[in-house]
Amino acid sequence: MNKGKLFLICSFICILTIISININNSILPYDFLAKEMKNAEAHNKPSEILYHVDMDEGEYLVFYINEKRNLTCAIIKKRIFSHSLLRICSELLITGSERPTNYMLSSYNKGRAWIDWGIIRDNTITKVLVNGENATIVEAKGLRFFYITHKGNTPSSESVYQFFDTLGQPIFE
């Protein structure tokens, strides 16, 4: 093979790689999730996005309403040429519960990372602590929920949730 043909082949491969990377970079995490889950069961299949956040190490956290009209979230990892789904958390009921909050702990990344998250139904709750750390409270499309992510091996039996009102008084469930 002569140098001209080799240069042409290498150039063609480089151009295809650049195009592939640009296409991947233009896909939003929710669009990837919708495409990935198009044939999934209703409790995993997204119906409406509520919120997404870029986390560290090229990971995205996407909260969405599933086809059963419940809240769930997914953790997506951005790869060089694509995305991958690290975890879809179980769903939480938006309505039909008398509790002021519902929450859960889910692991991902082979148990090396965790997300504590939940729904806040009590409007007097203005602060959430999980294991003593401030959780982020989100209001999106009439729904309030919280989340906090952390790394390390934390078993679910050790998560402690505390809820506070605007005066800093604890709210007990």
Protein backbone atom coordinates (compact mmCIF):
# COMPACT_ATOMS: atom_id res chain seq x y z
CA MET A 1 0.00 0.00 0.00
CA ASN A 2 1.45 3.37 -0.91
CA LYS A 3 1.63 6.41 1.33
CA GLY A 4 -1.18 8.22 -0.50
CA LYS A 5 -3.73 5.44 0.06
CA LEU A 6 -2.66 5.03 3.68
CA PHE A 7 -3.04 8.78 4.26
CA LEU A 8 -6.49 8.75 2.64
CA ILE A 9 -7.66 5.82 4.78
CA CYS A 10 -6.33 7.40 8.00
CA SER A 11 -7.94 10.73 7.09
CA PHE A 12 -11.27 9.02 6.41
CA ILE A 13 -11.15 7.20 9.78
CA CYS A 14 -10.30 10.46 11.58
CA ILE A 15 -13.21 12.28 9.92
CA LEU A 16 -15.64 9.48 10.85
CA THR A 17 -14.38 9.55 14.44
CA ILE A 18 -14.86 13.33 14.70
CA ILE A 19 -18.37 13.08 13.23
CA SER A 20 -19.25 10.28 15.64
CA ILE A 21 -17.99 12.24 18.65
CA ASN A 22 -19.90 15.37 17.55
CA ILE A 23 -23.11 13.41 17.10
CA ASN A 24 -22.69 11.88 20.56
CA ASN A 25 -22.02 15.28 22.13
CA SER A 26 -25.21 16.70 20.65
CA ILE A 27 -27.46 14.01 22.17
CA LEU A 28 -29.00 15.14 25.44
CA PRO A 29 -29.13 12.65 28.31
CA TYR A 30 -32.94 12.61 28.28
CA ASP A 31 -33.02 11.94 24.52
CA PHE A 32 -30.62 9.03 25.02
CA LEU A 33 -32.82 7.70 27.84
CA ALA A 34 -36.00 7.99 25.75
CA LYS A 35 -34.37 6.14 22.87
CA GLU A 36 -32.81 3.51 25.13
CA MET A 37 -36.09 2.81 26.95
CA LYS A 38 -38.52 3.02 24.04
CA ASN A 39 -39.44 -0.68 24.40
CA ALA A 40 -39.20 -0.82 28.22
CA GLU A 41 -41.96 -1.47 30.70
CA ALA A 42 -44.11 1.52 31.73
CA HIS A 43 -42.40 1.98 35.12
CA ASN A 44 -39.06 2.60 33.38
CA LYS A 45 -40.20 4.31 30.20
CA PRO A 46 -39.93 8.12 30.32
CA SER A 47 -42.96 10.22 29.57
CA GLU A 48 -41.81 13.70 30.64
CA ILE A 49 -38.49 15.08 31.81
CA LEU A 50 -38.51 17.11 35.01
CA TYR A 51 -34.90 17.89 35.76
CA HIS A 52 -31.39 16.84 34.90
CA VAL A 53 -28.03 17.67 36.37
CA ASP A 54 -24.46 17.06 35.23
CA MET A 55 -22.62 15.17 37.94
CA ASP A 56 -18.92 14.49 38.17
CA GLU A 57 -17.01 12.06 35.94
CA GLY A 58 -19.31 12.58 32.94
CA GLU A 59 -22.42 11.27 34.69
CA TYR A 60 -25.90 12.73 34.39
CA LEU A 61 -28.81 12.42 36.78
CA VAL A 62 -32.18 12.63 35.04
CA PHE A 63 -35.48 12.86 36.93
CA TYR A 64 -38.56 12.08 34.90
CA ILE A 65 -42.19 11.06 35.03
CA ASN A 66 -42.64 7.53 33.76
CA GLU A 67 -45.60 6.24 31.75
CA LYS A 68 -47.33 5.19 34.97
CA ARG A 69 -47.21 8.90 36.00
CA ASN A 70 -44.77 8.28 38.86
CA LEU A 71 -41.39 9.86 39.58
CA THR A 72 -38.20 8.00 38.83
CA CYS A 73 -34.62 8.85 38.00
CA ALA A 74 -31.82 7.48 35.88
CA ILE A 75 -28.05 7.82 36.02
CA ILE A 76 -26.41 8.02 32.61
CA LYS A 77 -22.68 7.91 31.86
CA LYS A 78 -21.25 9.75 28.88
CA ARG A 79 -18.80 7.65 26.91
CA ILE A 80 -16.52 8.75 24.06
CA PHE A 81 -18.75 7.43 21.30
CA SER A 82 -22.04 6.94 23.14
CA HIS A 83 -23.87 7.03 26.46
CA SER A 84 -24.58 4.14 28.79
CA LEU A 85 -27.31 3.63 31.34
CA LEU A 86 -25.83 3.00 34.80
CA ARG A 87 -29.07 2.77 36.74
CA ILE A 88 -32.80 3.35 36.64
CA CYS A 89 -34.11 3.77 40.16
CA SER A 90 -37.43 2.41 41.33
CA GLU A 91 -40.43 4.68 41.00
CA LEU A 92 -42.04 6.74 43.75
CA LEU A 93 -45.75 7.52 43.78
CA ILE A 94 -46.47 11.18 43.10
CA THR A 95 -50.02 10.99 44.41
CA GLY A 96 -51.97 8.56 46.54
CA SER A 97 -49.71 8.64 49.58
CA GLU A 98 -50.61 10.30 52.86
CA ARG A 99 -46.96 10.60 53.91
CA PRO A 100 -45.35 14.07 53.74
CA THR A 101 -42.33 12.48 52.03
CA ASN A 102 -41.31 9.29 50.31
CA TYR A 103 -37.67 8.49 49.73
CA MET A 104 -35.23 5.77 48.83
CA LEU A 105 -31.57 4.97 48.46
CA SER A 106 -30.22 3.43 45.26
CA SER A 107 -26.74 2.33 44.34
CA TYR A 108 -25.09 2.52 40.95
CA ASN A 109 -21.66 2.14 39.39
CA LYS A 110 -21.37 -1.39 40.81
CA GLY A 111 -22.24 -0.21 44.33
CA ARG A 112 -19.50 2.42 44.49
CA ALA A 113 -21.89 5.38 44.20
CA TRP A 114 -25.26 6.14 45.75
CA ILE A 115 -28.21 8.45 45.34
CA ASP A 116 -30.68 9.28 48.09
CA TRP A 117 -33.77 10.90 46.64
CA GLY A 118 -37.44 11.40 47.33
CA ILE A 119 -40.66 13.33 46.92
CA ILE A 120 -41.61 16.17 49.28
CA ARG A 121 -45.37 16.59 49.66
CA ASP A 122 -45.32 18.83 52.77
CA ASN A 123 -44.91 22.45 51.64
CA THR A 124 -43.50 23.46 55.03
CA ILE A 125 -40.36 21.35 54.43
CA THR A 126 -37.58 23.67 53.26
CA LYS A 127 -34.47 21.69 54.17
CA VAL A 128 -33.53 18.02 53.90
CA LEU A 129 -30.49 16.42 55.49
CA VAL A 130 -29.33 12.95 54.54
CA ASN A 131 -26.73 11.56 56.91
CA GLY A 132 -26.15 15.13 58.09
CA GLU A 133 -25.51 16.53 54.60
CA ASN A 134 -27.72 19.03 52.76
CA ALA A 135 -29.73 17.53 49.95
CA THR A 136 -30.71 19.56 46.90
CA ILE A 137 -34.41 20.41 46.75
CA VAL A 138 -35.88 20.80 43.28
CA GLU A 139 -39.23 22.25 42.24
CA ALA A 140 -40.21 21.27 38.72
CA LYS A 141 -43.59 21.32 37.03
CA GLY A 142 -45.51 21.43 40.31
CA LEU A 143 -43.54 18.65 41.98
CA ARG A 144 -40.99 18.96 44.80
CA PHE A 145 -38.28 16.40 45.31
CA PHE A 146 -34.79 16.13 46.76
CA TYR A 147 -31.59 14.29 45.98
CA ILE A 148 -28.03 13.86 47.14
CA THR A 149 -25.31 11.70 45.62
CA HIS A 150 -22.26 10.27 47.27
CA LYS A 151 -19.46 7.84 46.63
CA GLY A 152 -18.40 4.90 48.75
CA ASN A 153 -19.94 1.82 50.28
CA THR A 154 -22.94 3.05 52.28
CA PRO A 155 -25.56 0.42 53.08
CA SER A 156 -29.16 1.61 52.94
CA SER A 157 -29.72 0.82 56.62
CA GLU A 158 -27.36 3.67 57.54
CA SER A 159 -29.16 6.52 55.72
CA VAL A 160 -30.76 8.97 58.13
CA TYR A 161 -33.26 11.46 56.71
CA GLN A 162 -34.13 14.68 58.53
CA PHE A 163 -36.67 17.27 57.38
CA PHE A 164 -36.89 20.89 58.58
CA ASP A 165 -39.24 23.85 58.18
CA THR A 166 -38.32 27.49 57.44
CA LEU A 167 -37.57 28.13 61.12
CA GLY A 168 -35.18 25.19 61.26
CA GLN A 169 -37.56 23.11 63.35
CA PRO A 170 -37.52 19.39 62.62
CA ILE A 171 -40.58 17.92 60.93
CA PHE A 172 -41.28 14.35 61.97
CA GLU A 173 -43.03 11.87 59.79
